[in-house]
Amino acid sequence: MLIVNIDTIKMCRKLFLFILLSACGFKASAMDNDSISVMSHLLDYYSKVPQERIYLHTDRPYYMVGDTIWFRAHLLDAATRIPVSRSRYIYVELYEQNADTLVQRMKVRCDSSGVFANAMFLSKTMTSGSYTMVAYTQWMRNFGSDHFCYKPIYVTEKTGDDRYVSCVEAPIALQSSPLLEVMQRKGQMLIRMSDVSESDTLTCVIYGGGNLVETPYVGSRVLRIGMGRLRPGVVTVAMIRPQDKLVLASCETQIASHDSICVSMKSQMTEGKKMPIASTLTLTDQKGRPLKGTFSVSVTDYDVVKPDTLQPTLSQWAVSRRDGVYPLADMLRGHYPQQPYPIETEQRITGRVKGTLKSKLKNPHLLLVNPAEGVRHEFELGDSSRFSLTVDSPEGTTWLLEGTKKSGSTEMVELQVDKQIPPMVRLPHYACQTGNDLSVYVKQSNQQQMYAWNGVVELPEFEKKGSKKKPKSMNYGQLEAPRNLYPNDPRIEHAASMETLLGQLGIYCYFGEDGQKRIGGVGQIVGKKYVDNVVETDDEEILAILPQNVRSIEYFSMNHPQNTMYGVRADTSGRIPGVLFIFLKDGSEIEKRKHLLSMAKISPLGYRYNMEFYSPQYPKTDKSDYTRPDYRTTLYWNPSLQTDDAGEAIVRFYSSDSSKRYFVTIEGATEDGQPVSWQGLLR
């Protein structure tokens, strides 16, 4: 522990400041004896209001329906760009760009190394077009959705008759000031303040992009600062009147990247199909110093998957984006923003147990049950009616809660569970450009999906002939539905939830803007939902039905001509919504409809288990897998490749049946906050 008294700070304040800045990862300069006064305010703000930025790296820029997106979310400190894991969880969402519709949402928990990585599975019912992946932490919601990560991707259907569309976000507009002129010329930053007398002494502050510089400015002379002392990125230049710390003028400028990353590859390759490939990567900076860190690496078939050169790499993204929300006036005056969303280090269920009719409960109790895992806990709330439970549960976990009186009675007891409301996301407007023909990619992806590595081969639909007589339809129109699950169907018995049961009929769910699940995936519209021939408008009630209580399901898909009989009409685009009928076993509906105010059944958004990228192995001793066709487009994906003290790491994988050239992409940030991006061809 380092203890420094006031006299020591006064005597060694410049040395103390540099030690503090270095610990924070800043490249900083202090050029006067009183610089600790302004810099201390900025550092205090950085420590009390830390901000985060996310960059998403995916294994490739486009995918096919039914495909898997492998991704790594690089979570960096906004001010220093050092990788952080203050937040233990991040949220990743997928939106259909044109319809501005949420397709799916998932929660990712960092691993023991602080890496956020997982996989997102694309539905086979998706439509071809542009989509946007959105990533954020709960803490980032305090500063607005404009600072979330937005990653455009393209999804194509199995026909492959379309072309890849690259969507690029417009560059940010740098703020300017009529009083402050900032230019970059011959390796120097030239700063000049107008409308200042020759006797005025101001303080010039440069911050952003990992920089923090303070120097006096006298009169209207030109201030010169060497660019080699500054990190690349968007920086703010401000003039401050030191007497009252008043910001007289400020503007933004972008410092281009002046340090290049050097990557050398020593590869051992054997020509032929399904042959081993090993490549030793050495990462150094321009001066030959090793780069140590944890990086994400993808290797794709270059002849099938072409890189999107219009999308920014992590280094380009770090240079072209603002760090975060850092209002200089508030930083100097110690005004801190409200932070209603805490840093999420654990998952919580919150709410209250209260009496109905304004009656007050004395020492209420709360019962928590997880039926799947056999967990049962009872808590005494004491004088408080509020509760906050820490649960570390994966997605799909269902919790049963019950509030009681001290005696165990539930009479006149009401349980209220706080809903998890997701943020309102405003998708950016992209400039789109049509690129490569996807026919070759789709052809090879179709072959790979047909010979899936999990041993499942997808076959086309077929019509049963000579089967037993079908049960009579139970919908009030007594019309035979084109899709149905009849009584005693084993899929009903083995379904884990109502959502998975509906998925057997090609009906998928999505999250609405209020964070609640809705029936009907992208491009699907389920106009009316009937339970025992009674219209049900609450999707949550339907999804809460236990599959074992279901007798049969009948579904009239979209654009079926008989749907109009059930009171649905075509929308403005001419599409006729689908109609869903669910029939329950005797007495089960009465049980479902029974609702106690003291009980709640919730399924909060839990984290998704980490998925490991599967890369097939072809050992010389075992030739059993050599006959299985291999048409992978992504041959290697590692979200946490660590370089050693020499900056070296080894990448190993096997070639496919068609790959000859390989495109390698490396993304990440070093331990001291230096962005690293590199792309190269491995022949």
Foldseek 3Di string as FASTA:
>chain_A
DDDDDPVRCLVCVVVVVVVVLVVVLFLEAEDDSPSCQQVVLLVVQCVVQWDKAWDKDWQAFEEEAQDKTKIWIQIATLFNLFGDPLFQKKKKWKAQVVVRHTFAIFMFGADPVSITIFMDTGHLPDAWDKMWMWMDFLQNVLFPQVRIDIRIGTYHYLVLFAFDKDWFFDFDDWFDDPQWDWDDDDQKIKIFGPPFAQAAKWWKWKGFLSYTYIDIDGGGDIDIDGNVSDAFAKIKIWIARPVVRDTPDIIIDTGDHDKAKDKDWDKDWDDDAFTKIKIKIFIDIPVQAFFFDWWKKFKFFCVQGPHDPNDDAPQRCRRRDTSGDDDSVCSSVVNHGDRPRDRHPFDKKKWFKAFPPRDGAAFKKKWKAFVVVGDIDMDTPGRGRIDMDTDADAFPTKMKMFIAGPVRHRPRMFITIDDDADDDHDDGHTDMDTDGRNNSNSVLVVLCQCLDPVRDGDDDDDDDPPDDDDDFDQAPVSDAFPDKFAFPRVLLVPDPWLQVSVVVRVWHWGADNRRDIDIHGVPAAAPFEEESNHTDDDVVLSRHQRSVFWGMKGKHGKPDPCLVVVPFDADPVRITHMYIYTYTDPPSVVVSPDDRSRMDMDRDNHHHPHDDDDADHCDPVDCPCVPRAFSDRIRDIDRTFTADSSNMTMDMGTHGNDGDKMKMWIWHAGSSSHTDTDIDMDD
